[in-house]
Protein backbone atom coordinates (compact mmCIF):
# COMPACT_ATOMS: atom_id res chain seq x y z
CA MET A 1 -6.47 -4.23 20.38
CA ASP A 2 -2.66 -4.15 20.51
CA ASN A 3 -1.05 -0.88 21.52
CA ALA A 4 -0.08 0.99 18.36
CA ARG A 5 3.37 1.69 19.78
CA THR A 6 4.40 -1.97 20.16
CA LEU A 7 4.95 -4.75 17.61
CA ASN A 8 3.41 -8.20 18.13
CA PRO A 9 4.76 -11.54 16.78
CA PHE A 10 2.79 -11.29 13.53
CA ASP A 11 4.17 -7.80 12.90
CA TRP A 12 7.70 -9.14 13.33
CA PHE A 13 6.90 -12.10 11.07
CA LEU A 14 5.91 -9.74 8.26
CA ILE A 15 8.91 -7.43 8.71
CA LEU A 16 11.54 -10.15 9.20
CA GLY A 17 9.93 -12.39 6.58
CA THR A 18 10.13 -9.66 3.94
CA THR A 19 13.70 -8.82 4.95
CA ILE A 20 14.96 -12.41 4.89
CA VAL A 21 13.22 -13.34 1.64
CA SER A 22 14.47 -10.12 0.01
CA ILE A 23 18.06 -10.91 1.02
CA ALA A 24 17.76 -14.50 -0.20
CA SER A 25 16.19 -13.40 -3.48
CA SER A 26 19.06 -11.00 -4.16
CA LEU A 27 21.78 -13.48 -3.23
CA LEU A 28 20.25 -16.28 -5.30
CA GLY A 29 19.51 -14.00 -8.24
CA GLU A 30 21.79 -12.07 -10.55
CA GLY A 31 23.22 -9.89 -7.77
CA TRP A 32 22.44 -7.72 -4.79
CA ASP A 33 19.45 -5.45 -5.42
CA THR A 34 19.93 -2.48 -3.09
CA LEU A 35 16.97 -0.43 -4.28
CA GLY A 36 14.64 -3.40 -4.32
CA PHE A 37 15.72 -4.36 -0.80
CA ILE A 38 15.21 -0.86 0.62
CA VAL A 39 11.79 -0.39 -0.94
CA ALA A 40 10.65 -3.86 0.17
CA VAL A 41 11.68 -3.37 3.81
CA THR A 42 10.50 0.22 4.18
CA GLY A 43 7.29 -0.70 2.39
CA ILE A 44 6.38 -3.53 4.75
CA ILE A 45 7.27 -1.47 7.84
CA ASN A 46 5.11 1.33 6.47
CA LEU A 47 2.10 -0.97 6.11
CA VAL A 48 2.65 -2.87 9.36
CA LEU A 49 2.59 0.42 11.26
CA CYS A 50 -0.40 1.59 9.22
CA ALA A 51 -2.28 -1.60 10.12
CA LYS A 52 -1.68 -0.74 13.78
CA GLY A 53 -2.87 2.84 13.26
CA ASN A 54 0.62 4.12 14.09
CA ILE A 55 1.36 7.59 12.66
CA TRP A 56 5.05 6.74 12.13
CA ASN A 57 4.04 4.65 9.12
CA TYR A 58 4.28 7.86 7.09
CA ALA A 59 8.01 8.29 7.81
CA PHE A 60 8.75 4.94 6.18
CA GLY A 61 6.12 5.65 3.52
CA ILE A 62 8.07 8.67 2.29
CA VAL A 63 11.18 6.54 1.65
CA TYR A 64 9.22 3.66 0.13
CA ASN A 65 7.21 5.82 -2.26
CA ALA A 66 10.20 7.85 -3.44
CA ILE A 67 12.20 4.75 -4.44
CA TYR A 68 9.22 2.91 -5.90
CA VAL A 69 8.74 5.78 -8.37
CA TYR A 70 12.14 5.01 -9.86
CA ILE A 71 11.61 1.23 -9.97
CA ALA A 72 8.15 1.42 -11.57
CA TRP A 73 9.38 3.89 -14.19
CA HIS A 74 12.24 1.62 -15.26
CA SER A 75 9.78 -1.31 -15.50
CA LYS A 76 7.67 0.83 -17.90
CA LEU A 77 4.75 0.92 -15.44
CA TYR A 78 4.24 4.58 -16.15
CA ALA A 79 0.89 5.05 -14.43
CA ASP A 80 2.25 3.39 -11.29
CA SER A 81 5.28 5.67 -11.37
CA ALA A 82 3.19 8.79 -11.90
CA ILE A 83 0.66 8.04 -9.17
CA TYR A 84 3.38 7.35 -6.62
CA LEU A 85 5.19 10.58 -7.50
CA LEU A 86 2.22 12.92 -7.84
CA TYR A 87 -0.18 11.43 -5.31
CA TYR A 88 1.18 8.78 -2.93
CA LEU A 89 4.32 10.68 -1.97
CA PRO A 90 2.61 14.04 -1.23
CA MET A 91 -0.19 12.23 0.62
CA GLN A 92 2.32 10.87 3.13
CA PHE A 93 2.72 14.42 4.45
CA VAL A 94 -1.02 15.10 4.31
CA GLY A 95 -1.71 11.85 6.18
CA TRP A 96 0.84 12.67 8.88
CA ILE A 97 -0.85 16.01 9.58
CA THR A 98 -4.38 14.56 9.46
CA TRP A 99 -3.61 11.60 11.74
CA LYS A 100 -1.82 13.85 14.20
CA LYS A 101 -5.09 15.74 14.72
CA ASN A 102 -7.05 12.49 15.07
CA GLN A 103 -4.76 10.42 17.31
CA ASN A 104 -5.80 8.56 20.45
CA GLN A 105 -3.30 9.69 23.05
CA ASP A 106 -3.76 6.60 25.25
CA SER A 107 -3.12 3.89 22.63
CA GLY A 108 -1.18 6.00 20.16
CA ALA A 109 -3.48 4.80 17.36
CA VAL A 110 -5.53 6.91 14.99
CA ASN A 111 -9.28 7.03 15.65
CA ALA A 112 -10.80 5.01 12.79
CA VAL A 113 -14.31 5.33 11.32
CA HIS A 114 -16.51 3.18 9.07
CA LEU A 115 -17.40 4.01 5.48
CA SER A 116 -20.91 5.36 4.91
CA ARG A 117 -23.16 3.92 2.20
CA ARG A 118 -23.09 7.20 0.31
CA GLN A 119 -19.28 7.28 0.34
CA ALA A 120 -19.12 3.65 -0.83
CA ILE A 121 -21.41 4.32 -3.81
CA ALA A 122 -19.37 7.40 -4.79
CA LEU A 123 -16.07 5.49 -4.62
CA LEU A 124 -17.41 2.54 -6.66
CA ALA A 125 -18.82 4.90 -9.28
CA ALA A 126 -15.47 6.71 -9.54
CA ALA A 127 -13.64 3.39 -10.01
CA ALA A 128 -16.10 2.21 -12.68
CA ILE A 129 -15.50 5.37 -14.71
CA LEU A 130 -11.79 5.94 -14.18
CA ILE A 131 -10.41 2.40 -14.64
CA PRO A 132 -11.57 1.97 -18.30
CA PHE A 133 -10.47 5.52 -19.09
CA PHE A 134 -6.96 5.01 -17.69
CA ALA A 135 -6.66 1.62 -19.43
CA TRP A 136 -7.58 3.23 -22.77
CA LEU A 137 -5.19 6.13 -22.20
CA LEU A 138 -2.26 3.96 -21.11
CA GLY A 139 -2.78 1.65 -24.10
CA ARG A 140 -2.29 4.48 -26.61
CA PRO A 141 0.86 4.09 -28.77
CA PHE A 142 2.33 7.40 -27.57
CA ILE A 143 2.41 6.03 -23.99
CA GLY A 144 2.98 2.33 -24.59
CA ASP A 145 2.34 1.05 -21.05
CA SER A 146 3.41 -2.60 -20.77
CA GLN A 147 0.29 -3.68 -18.81
CA PRO A 148 -2.39 -0.99 -19.36
CA TRP A 149 -5.39 -2.67 -17.70
CA LEU A 150 -3.55 -3.92 -14.62
CA ASP A 151 -1.72 -0.60 -14.34
CA ALA A 152 -5.03 1.28 -14.65
CA VAL A 153 -6.62 -0.81 -11.88
CA THR A 154 -3.74 -0.27 -9.47
CA THR A 155 -3.61 3.43 -10.30
CA VAL A 156 -7.28 4.15 -9.65
CA VAL A 157 -7.57 1.84 -6.66
CA SER A 158 -4.44 3.45 -5.21
CA ILE A 159 -6.04 6.88 -5.37
CA LEU A 160 -9.17 5.68 -3.58
CA ALA A 161 -7.33 3.62 -0.98
CA MET A 162 -4.91 6.39 -0.08
CA TYR A 163 -7.77 8.85 0.35
CA MET A 164 -9.48 6.42 2.71
CA MET A 165 -6.26 5.89 4.65
CA VAL A 166 -5.79 9.60 5.26
CA LYS A 167 -9.44 9.81 6.37
CA ALA A 168 -8.85 6.78 8.67
CA ILE A 169 -11.70 4.77 7.09
CA ALA A 170 -11.53 1.11 8.17
CA GLU A 171 -12.88 -0.27 4.89
CA GLN A 172 -9.74 0.94 3.11
CA TRP A 173 -8.30 -2.51 3.79
CA TYR A 174 -10.77 -4.20 1.44
CA ILE A 175 -9.30 -2.02 -1.29
CA TRP A 176 -5.71 -2.74 -0.22
CA ILE A 177 -6.47 -6.47 -0.38
CA VAL A 178 -7.69 -6.15 -3.98
CA LEU A 179 -4.85 -3.79 -4.89
CA ASP A 180 -2.13 -6.01 -3.45
CA ALA A 181 -3.59 -9.08 -5.17
CA VAL A 182 -3.46 -7.23 -8.51
CA GLN A 183 0.09 -6.09 -7.77
CA VAL A 184 1.11 -9.72 -7.11
CA VAL A 185 -0.22 -10.65 -10.55
CA LYS A 186 1.44 -7.67 -12.21
CA TRP A 187 4.86 -8.26 -10.68
CA THR A 188 4.64 -12.01 -11.33
CA ILE A 189 4.32 -11.15 -15.02
CA ALA A 190 7.23 -8.70 -14.73
CA THR A 191 9.34 -11.36 -12.97
CA VAL A 192 8.65 -13.91 -15.72
CA ARG A 193 9.73 -11.27 -18.24
CA GLY A 194 12.99 -10.81 -16.34
CA GLU A 195 12.51 -7.12 -15.55
CA ALA A 196 14.84 -5.44 -13.06
CA HIS A 197 13.78 -5.47 -9.39
CA ALA A 198 10.61 -7.43 -10.28
CA ALA A 199 11.28 -10.48 -8.07
CA LEU A 200 11.68 -8.36 -4.95
CA MET A 201 8.57 -6.37 -5.79
CA LEU A 202 6.66 -9.66 -6.06
CA VAL A 203 7.91 -10.74 -2.63
CA MET A 204 7.05 -7.36 -1.16
CA PHE A 205 3.48 -7.31 -2.45
CA ALA A 206 2.86 -10.89 -1.30
CA PHE A 207 3.68 -9.80 2.26
CA PHE A 208 1.65 -6.62 1.71
CA LEU A 209 -1.37 -8.81 0.91
CA ALA A 210 -0.99 -10.71 4.19
CA ASN A 211 -0.67 -7.41 6.05
CA ALA A 212 -3.80 -6.01 4.38
CA ILE A 213 -5.89 -8.90 5.68
CA TYR A 214 -4.41 -8.34 9.14
CA GLY A 215 -5.02 -4.59 8.84
CA LEU A 216 -8.70 -5.13 8.06
CA ILE A 217 -9.14 -7.05 11.32
CA GLN A 218 -7.20 -4.48 13.33
CA TRP A 219 -8.98 -1.44 11.91
CA ASN A 220 -12.43 -2.90 12.45
CA ARG A 221 -11.44 -3.05 16.13
CA LEU A 222 -10.12 0.51 16.01
CA ALA A 223 -13.41 1.73 14.55
CA ARG A 224 -15.40 -0.06 17.25
CA GLN A 225 -13.19 1.44 19.94
CA ALA A 226 -13.55 4.94 18.50
CA SER A 227 -17.35 4.67 18.53
CA ASP A 228 -17.45 2.96 21.95
CA PRO A 229 -14.30 3.24 24.15
CA ARG A 230 -15.57 0.34 26.29
CA GLN A 231 -15.04 -2.07 23.40
CA PRO A 232 -11.99 -4.38 23.79
């Protein structure tokens, strides 16, 4: 397991790849997208550090979540905007405090655990109930969400994944993989429609998806190490 305090070549590939593609996308598009660039770069750094179990991911997460609220709102993704404002952003502070109490002082990484069968059943049941409800609610004329079902999926999955992150549960990365794949679809649609900041959000979530797969591998190792320190 890499030390949580150092970045390896793949980490740099994700960070620099997102940065370079974001710059190119802005220069080749209709003009420089400052907000899109900031949220893309802080977002990928946030998740790269999270994949390493590094507590400093929350510092970048605060910036990323705050700006994403504004971007999602102006793209009429109201559930996305609300969940980032009311849940994701406050949970950055909760996660910082929780991880600080559960940090391995030698590696600098959080001590990860595996999801129990009972927890898994409860989370799946919650998703099965909440996703259709949110989709119905967001599709009502008085809300008028532009993509109610996709927005409902990302909203509910976001709640579950963030809870698992704060609890340092390794299986959170399965959820992030699904979530990021859905986000890629959602922002591809928004890009085709020509919505502001959409192209950079698409780039960002594509790199997020690659990081989620990497994070799953890393956190499975963290969980093994936490249960048996002799594990490599």
